């Protein structure tokens, strides 16, 4: 998946993730409101990238103009739903994230209280061709059995957004 060009067909196994946001509260426990007076919700992750970004400026060394998870807060909706550092976001609520600007990605993530995402994760093993006949649930189970769970030291580069 190294060096995917935006807009080109992409063949990979995607991981479905459903993230339910939680109410954002301040240090006193009061709800945080948007400028329009609506309750603000938080996901607990930051992103970097987009088709308008230069991947050579990425502190993480991402190979392309995809949208990547650059930080995950502990005990957040993102950490609880299984999102992982360096996941490449392919789709959110049906919107193709392989051809979005950074700003478009931010707006799509902020829009809904539930994010139904498809992500690509480096290290997903290549399954045999015959696995195409397996159901998606079986493929996801096979993935979970083969990918080691790792802890990453997250650095906070300047160019990513927090939600």
C-alpha atoms as a PDB file:
ATOM      1  CA  UNK A   1       0.000   0.000   0.000  1.00  0.00           C
ATOM      2  CA  UNK A   2       3.044   2.225  -0.024  1.00  0.00           C
ATOM      3  CA  UNK A   3       2.685   5.152  -2.354  1.00  0.00           C
ATOM      4  CA  UNK A   4      -0.982   4.955  -3.384  1.00  0.00           C
ATOM      5  CA  UNK A   5      -1.988   7.725  -5.790  1.00  0.00           C
ATOM      6  CA  UNK A   6      -5.216   9.528  -4.913  1.00  0.00           C
ATOM      7  CA  UNK A   7      -8.085   8.584  -7.207  1.00  0.00           C
ATOM      8  CA  UNK A   8      -6.468   5.353  -8.421  1.00  0.00           C
ATOM      9  CA  UNK A   9      -8.159   2.015  -7.700  1.00  0.00           C
ATOM     10  CA  UNK A  10      -7.053   0.495  -4.423  1.00  0.00           C
ATOM     11  CA  UNK A  11      -7.031  -3.194  -3.577  1.00  0.00           C
ATOM     12  CA  UNK A  12      -6.596  -4.044   0.087  1.00  0.00           C
ATOM     13  CA  UNK A  13      -8.406  -5.613   2.998  1.00  0.00           C
ATOM     14  CA  UNK A  14     -10.274  -2.947   4.887  1.00  0.00           C
ATOM     15  CA  UNK A  15     -11.165  -3.121   8.551  1.00  0.00           C
ATOM     16  CA  UNK A  16     -14.640  -1.922   9.553  1.00  0.00           C
ATOM     17  CA  UNK A  17     -14.686   0.273  12.664  1.00  0.00           C
ATOM     18  CA  UNK A  18     -17.671   1.973  14.282  1.00  0.00           C
ATOM     19  CA  UNK A  19     -16.808   4.900  16.556  1.00  0.00           C
ATOM     20  CA  UNK A  20     -19.520   6.400  18.741  1.00  0.00           C
ATOM     21  CA  UNK A  21     -18.474   9.862  19.875  1.00  0.00           C
ATOM     22  CA  UNK A  22     -18.860  11.026  23.471  1.00  0.00           C
ATOM     23  CA  UNK A  23     -19.934  14.410  24.825  1.00  0.00           C
ATOM     24  CA  UNK A  24     -17.046  16.833  25.219  1.00  0.00           C
ATOM     25  CA  UNK A  25     -16.862  18.274  28.726  1.00  0.00           C
ATOM     26  CA  UNK A  26     -14.572  20.889  30.278  1.00  0.00           C
ATOM     27  CA  UNK A  27     -12.422  20.445  33.398  1.00  0.00           C
ATOM     28  CA  UNK A  28     -15.371  21.337  35.642  1.00  0.00           C
ATOM     29  CA  UNK A  29     -17.568  18.665  34.027  1.00  0.00           C
ATOM     30  CA  UNK A  30     -19.711  21.116  32.046  1.00  0.00           C
ATOM     31  CA  UNK A  31     -20.703  20.340  28.446  1.00  0.00           C
ATOM     32  CA  UNK A  32     -18.637  22.129  25.797  1.00  0.00           C
ATOM     33  CA  UNK A  33     -20.790  23.832  23.177  1.00  0.00           C
ATOM     34  CA  UNK A  34     -20.105  24.675  19.546  1.00  0.00           C
ATOM     35  CA  UNK A  35     -20.382  28.340  18.463  1.00  0.00           C
ATOM     36  CA  UNK A  36     -23.930  27.582  17.243  1.00  0.00           C
ATOM     37  CA  UNK A  37     -24.897  26.373  20.755  1.00  0.00           C
ATOM     38  CA  UNK A  38     -24.985  22.641  19.958  1.00  0.00           C
ATOM     39  CA  UNK A  39     -23.240  20.088  22.169  1.00  0.00           C
ATOM     40  CA  UNK A  40     -19.714  19.264  20.990  1.00  0.00           C
ATOM     41  CA  UNK A  41     -18.710  15.610  20.760  1.00  0.00           C
ATOM     42  CA  UNK A  42     -15.228  14.127  20.718  1.00  0.00           C
ATOM     43  CA  UNK A  43     -13.653  11.161  19.006  1.00  0.00           C
ATOM     44  CA  UNK A  44     -10.294  11.093  20.744  1.00  0.00           C
ATOM     45  CA  UNK A  45      -7.982  10.988  17.750  1.00  0.00           C
ATOM     46  CA  UNK A  46      -6.018  13.273  15.430  1.00  0.00           C
ATOM     47  CA  UNK A  47      -5.435  12.970  11.724  1.00  0.00           C
ATOM     48  CA  UNK A  48      -2.783  14.057   9.277  1.00  0.00           C
ATOM     49  CA  UNK A  49      -2.664  14.084   5.517  1.00  0.00           C
ATOM     50  CA  UNK A  50      -5.045  14.650   2.632  1.00  0.00           C
ATOM     51  CA  UNK A  51      -4.610  15.213  -1.098  1.00  0.00           C
ATOM     52  CA  UNK A  52      -3.602  18.832  -0.449  1.00  0.00           C
ATOM     53  CA  UNK A  53      -0.757  17.835   1.911  1.00  0.00           C
ATOM     54  CA  UNK A  54       2.859  17.017   1.049  1.00  0.00           C
ATOM     55  CA  UNK A  55       3.662  13.525   2.382  1.00  0.00           C
ATOM     56  CA  UNK A  56       7.363  14.387   2.497  1.00  0.00           C
ATOM     57  CA  UNK A  57       6.473  16.825   5.327  1.00  0.00           C
ATOM     58  CA  UNK A  58       4.868  14.068   7.402  1.00  0.00           C
ATOM     59  CA  UNK A  59       6.854  13.510  10.619  1.00  0.00           C
ATOM     60  CA  UNK A  60       5.674   9.880  10.558  1.00  0.00           C
ATOM     61  CA  UNK A  61       6.972   9.270   7.024  1.00  0.00           C
ATOM     62  CA  UNK A  62       3.633   8.327   5.455  1.00  0.00           C
ATOM     63  CA  UNK A  63       4.180   7.276   1.833  1.00  0.00           C
ATOM     64  CA  UNK A  64       1.220   9.013   0.190  1.00  0.00           C
ATOM     65  CA  UNK A  65      -1.467  11.695   0.457  1.00  0.00           C
ATOM     66  CA  UNK A  66      -3.878   9.500   2.412  1.00  0.00           C
ATOM     67  CA  UNK A  67      -5.555  10.499   5.673  1.00  0.00           C
ATOM     68  CA  UNK A  68      -3.839   8.791   8.612  1.00  0.00           C
ATOM     69  CA  UNK A  69      -4.505   8.517  12.345  1.00  0.00           C
ATOM     70  CA  UNK A  70      -1.578  10.351  13.970  1.00  0.00           C
ATOM     71  CA  UNK A  71      -2.576  10.264  17.641  1.00  0.00           C
ATOM     72  CA  UNK A  72      -5.102   8.446  19.856  1.00  0.00           C
ATOM     73  CA  UNK A  73      -6.018   9.681  23.321  1.00  0.00           C
ATOM     74  CA  UNK A  74      -6.088   7.080  26.086  1.00  0.00           C
ATOM     75  CA  UNK A  75      -9.548   5.970  27.222  1.00  0.00           C
ATOM     76  CA  UNK A  76     -11.258   7.747  24.329  1.00  0.00           C
ATOM     77  CA  UNK A  77     -13.937   6.529  21.907  1.00  0.00           C
ATOM     78  CA  UNK A  78     -11.156   6.004  19.333  1.00  0.00           C
ATOM     79  CA  UNK A  79      -9.112   3.792  21.654  1.00  0.00           C
ATOM     80  CA  UNK A  80     -12.177   1.802  22.752  1.00  0.00           C
ATOM     81  CA  UNK A  81     -13.469   1.082  19.238  1.00  0.00           C
ATOM     82  CA  UNK A  82     -10.176  -0.409  18.032  1.00  0.00           C
ATOM     83  CA  UNK A  83      -8.801   2.439  15.926  1.00  0.00           C
ATOM     84  CA  UNK A  84      -5.014   2.299  15.950  1.00  0.00           C
ATOM     85  CA  UNK A  85      -2.182   4.741  15.441  1.00  0.00           C
ATOM     86  CA  UNK A  86      -1.127   4.920  11.766  1.00  0.00           C
ATOM     87  CA  UNK A  87      -4.391   3.464  10.438  1.00  0.00           C
ATOM     88  CA  UNK A  88      -5.127   4.875   6.988  1.00  0.00           C
ATOM     89  CA  UNK A  89      -8.741   6.041   6.812  1.00  0.00           C
ATOM     90  CA  UNK A  90     -10.281   4.873   3.540  1.00  0.00           C
ATOM     91  CA  UNK A  91     -13.912   5.796   4.141  1.00  0.00           C
ATOM     92  CA  UNK A  92     -16.096   7.536   6.732  1.00  0.00           C
ATOM     93  CA  UNK A  93     -19.890   7.194   6.619  1.00  0.00           C
ATOM     94  CA  UNK A  94     -19.708   6.275   2.933  1.00  0.00           C
ATOM     95  CA  UNK A  95     -17.405   9.173   1.925  1.00  0.00           C
ATOM     96  CA  UNK A  96     -14.255   8.160   0.055  1.00  0.00           C
ATOM     97  CA  UNK A  97     -11.257   9.417   2.054  1.00  0.00           C
ATOM     98  CA  UNK A  98      -8.680   8.522  -0.615  1.00  0.00           C
ATOM     99  CA  UNK A  99      -9.500  11.735  -2.495  1.00  0.00           C
ATOM    100  CA  UNK A 100     -10.215  14.335   0.212  1.00  0.00           C
ATOM    101  CA  UNK A 101      -8.334  17.402   1.338  1.00  0.00           C
ATOM    102  CA  UNK A 102      -7.353  17.680   4.987  1.00  0.00           C
ATOM    103  CA  UNK A 103     -10.160  20.197   5.595  1.00  0.00           C
ATOM    104  CA  UNK A 104     -12.761  17.947   3.922  1.00  0.00           C
ATOM    105  CA  UNK A 105     -11.650  15.039   6.126  1.00  0.00           C
ATOM    106  CA  UNK A 106     -11.976  17.186   9.267  1.00  0.00           C
ATOM    107  CA  UNK A 107     -15.465  18.346   8.255  1.00  0.00           C
ATOM    108  CA  UNK A 108     -16.633  14.787   7.526  1.00  0.00           C
ATOM    109  CA  UNK A 109     -15.351  13.512  10.867  1.00  0.00           C
ATOM    110  CA  UNK A 110     -16.992  16.336  12.803  1.00  0.00           C
ATOM    111  CA  UNK A 111     -20.331  16.016  10.990  1.00  0.00           C
ATOM    112  CA  UNK A 112     -21.919  12.907  12.570  1.00  0.00           C
ATOM    113  CA  UNK A 113     -22.097  11.505  16.139  1.00  0.00           C
ATOM    114  CA  UNK A 114     -21.286   7.993  14.858  1.00  0.00           C
ATOM    115  CA  UNK A 115     -18.419   7.300  12.436  1.00  0.00           C
ATOM    116  CA  UNK A 116     -18.667   4.144  10.344  1.00  0.00           C
ATOM    117  CA  UNK A 117     -15.143   3.817   9.029  1.00  0.00           C
ATOM    118  CA  UNK A 118     -13.127   1.538   6.822  1.00  0.00           C
ATOM    119  CA  UNK A 119      -9.398   1.626   7.533  1.00  0.00           C
ATOM    120  CA  UNK A 120      -6.280   0.040   6.125  1.00  0.00           C
ATOM    121  CA  UNK A 121      -3.763  -1.177   8.680  1.00  0.00           C
ATOM    122  CA  UNK A 122      -0.183  -1.983   7.799  1.00  0.00           C
ATOM    123  CA  UNK A 123       0.668  -5.549   8.687  1.00  0.00           C
ATOM    124  CA  UNK A 124      -2.633  -7.126   7.685  1.00  0.00           C
ATOM    125  CA  UNK A 125      -1.540 -10.528   6.379  1.00  0.00           C
ATOM    126  CA  UNK A 126      -2.179 -11.484   2.796  1.00  0.00           C
ATOM    127  CA  UNK A 127      -4.951 -14.066   2.900  1.00  0.00           C
ATOM    128  CA  UNK A 128      -4.985 -16.865   0.329  1.00  0.00           C
ATOM    129  CA  UNK A 129      -7.002 -16.242  -2.849  1.00  0.00           C
ATOM    130  CA  UNK A 130      -9.538 -18.849  -1.721  1.00  0.00           C
ATOM    131  CA  UNK A 131     -10.333 -16.587   1.238  1.00  0.00           C
ATOM    132  CA  UNK A 132     -12.464 -14.469  -1.099  1.00  0.00           C
ATOM    133  CA  UNK A 133     -15.135 -17.096  -0.548  1.00  0.00           C
ATOM    134  CA  UNK A 134     -15.028 -16.588   3.243  1.00  0.00           C
ATOM    135  CA  UNK A 135     -17.487 -14.179   4.831  1.00  0.00           C
ATOM    136  CA  UNK A 136     -16.292 -10.756   5.971  1.00  0.00           C
ATOM    137  CA  UNK A 137     -16.676 -11.776   9.610  1.00  0.00           C
ATOM    138  CA  UNK A 138     -14.375 -14.770   9.088  1.00  0.00           C
ATOM    139  CA  UNK A 139     -11.833 -12.590   7.291  1.00  0.00           C
ATOM    140  CA  UNK A 140     -11.921 -10.106  10.182  1.00  0.00           C
ATOM    141  CA  UNK A 141     -11.400 -12.946  12.684  1.00  0.00           C
ATOM    142  CA  UNK A 142      -8.459 -14.232  10.624  1.00  0.00           C
ATOM    143  CA  UNK A 143      -7.001 -10.734  10.642  1.00  0.00           C
ATOM    144  CA  UNK A 144      -7.336 -10.418  14.422  1.00  0.00           C
ATOM    145  CA  UNK A 145      -5.575 -13.733  14.976  1.00  0.00           C
ATOM    146  CA  UNK A 146      -2.516 -12.745  12.924  1.00  0.00           C
ATOM    147  CA  UNK A 147      -1.847  -9.090  13.698  1.00  0.00           C
ATOM    148  CA  UNK A 148       0.144  -8.424  16.867  1.00  0.00           C
ATOM    149  CA  UNK A 149      -1.274  -5.713  19.110  1.00  0.00           C
ATOM    150  CA  UNK A 150       1.389  -3.029  19.532  1.00  0.00           C
ATOM    151  CA  UNK A 151       1.729   0.044  21.668  1.00  0.00           C
ATOM    152  CA  UNK A 152       3.155   3.104  19.936  1.00  0.00           C
ATOM    153  CA  UNK A 153       4.837   6.157  21.372  1.00  0.00           C
ATOM    154  CA  UNK A 154       2.767   8.937  19.874  1.00  0.00           C
ATOM    155  CA  UNK A 155       4.500  12.149  18.938  1.00  0.00           C
ATOM    156  CA  UNK A 156       2.338  15.167  18.305  1.00  0.00           C
ATOM    157  CA  UNK A 157       3.376  16.789  15.021  1.00  0.00           C
ATOM    158  CA  UNK A 158       2.165  20.284  14.245  1.00  0.00           C
ATOM    159  CA  UNK A 159       0.126  19.557  11.138  1.00  0.00           C
ATOM    160  CA  UNK A 160      -2.618  17.266  12.398  1.00  0.00           C
ATOM    161  CA  UNK A 161      -6.083  17.938  13.800  1.00  0.00           C
ATOM    162  CA  UNK A 162      -7.608  16.814  17.090  1.00  0.00           C
ATOM    163  CA  UNK A 163     -11.299  15.821  17.510  1.00  0.00           C
END
